[in-house]
Protein backbone atom coordinates (compact mmCIF):
# COMPACT_ATOMS: atom_id res chain seq x y z
CA MET A 1 122.86 21.77 13.08
CA ILE A 2 126.23 21.73 11.33
CA ARG A 3 127.76 25.09 10.57
CA ARG A 4 130.51 24.17 8.13
CA PRO A 5 130.70 24.31 4.26
CA ILE A 6 129.22 21.16 2.57
CA SER A 7 132.64 20.26 1.21
CA GLU A 8 134.21 20.23 4.65
CA VAL A 9 131.48 17.99 5.89
CA PHE A 10 131.75 15.69 3.06
CA GLU A 11 135.56 15.43 3.59
CA ALA A 12 135.09 14.63 7.19
CA PHE A 13 133.21 11.59 6.29
CA VAL A 14 135.41 10.30 3.42
CA ASP A 15 138.72 10.94 5.09
CA PRO A 16 139.43 8.44 7.89
CA ALA A 17 142.10 10.78 9.48
CA ILE A 18 139.25 13.12 10.29
CA THR A 19 136.31 10.59 10.83
CA CYS A 20 138.32 8.74 13.51
CA HIS A 21 137.93 11.82 15.73
CA PHE A 22 134.23 11.53 15.99
CA TRP A 23 132.92 8.19 14.64
CA TYR A 24 135.06 5.13 14.59
CA SER A 25 138.69 4.51 16.07
CA ARG A 26 140.28 3.46 12.76
CA GLY A 27 139.50 3.30 9.14
CA SER A 28 141.63 1.47 6.63
CA GLY A 29 141.20 4.08 3.75
CA ARG A 30 139.46 6.89 2.09
CA LEU A 31 135.86 6.34 0.77
CA LYS A 32 135.76 6.26 -2.93
CA PRO A 33 133.27 4.62 -5.41
CA GLY A 34 133.92 0.94 -5.74
CA GLY A 35 136.29 0.86 -2.70
CA LYS A 36 136.34 -1.46 0.19
CA VAL A 37 137.46 -0.33 3.66
CA ARG A 38 137.34 -1.52 7.21
CA TRP A 39 136.10 0.52 10.12
CA ASP A 40 137.12 -0.49 13.64
CA TRP A 41 135.74 0.61 17.05
CA GLU A 42 138.56 -0.43 19.22
CA MET A 43 136.89 0.56 22.49
CA PHE A 44 134.15 -1.99 21.86
CA ASP A 45 136.46 -4.61 20.02
CA VAL A 46 134.20 -4.45 16.93
CA GLY A 47 134.76 -3.84 13.29
CA THR A 48 133.09 -3.99 9.96
CA ASN A 49 134.06 -4.22 6.26
CA VAL A 50 132.34 -1.58 4.19
CA THR A 51 131.89 -1.53 0.38
CA VAL A 52 131.42 1.96 -1.02
CA THR A 53 128.77 1.88 -3.82
CA ALA A 54 128.91 5.66 -4.51
CA ALA A 55 130.55 8.76 -3.28
CA GLN A 56 129.82 12.20 -4.94
CA SER A 57 130.91 15.66 -4.03
CA ARG A 58 128.95 18.54 -5.54
CA ALA A 59 128.72 22.14 -4.73
CA ARG A 60 125.27 21.82 -3.06
CA SER A 61 124.57 18.08 -2.78
CA ASN A 62 127.09 15.49 -1.52
CA SER A 63 126.13 11.87 -1.05
CA ILE A 64 127.83 8.68 0.10
CA SER A 65 126.26 5.19 -0.36
CA LEU A 66 127.61 2.28 1.59
CA SER A 67 126.78 -1.46 1.82
């Protein structure tokens, strides 16, 4: 269970400065529609390129689509 406002949880996933504390070691940029970023897990020497197909923040329903 996550006990934070939806907007804070959404921000935690789109902002690499926050996400690197709990998911990957390094992200090349903020998630935004049509954007391309790189995520790296340095402890495993693995990384991947990600294309953001959608990222929406709404009062009650936030969503992110990646490929």
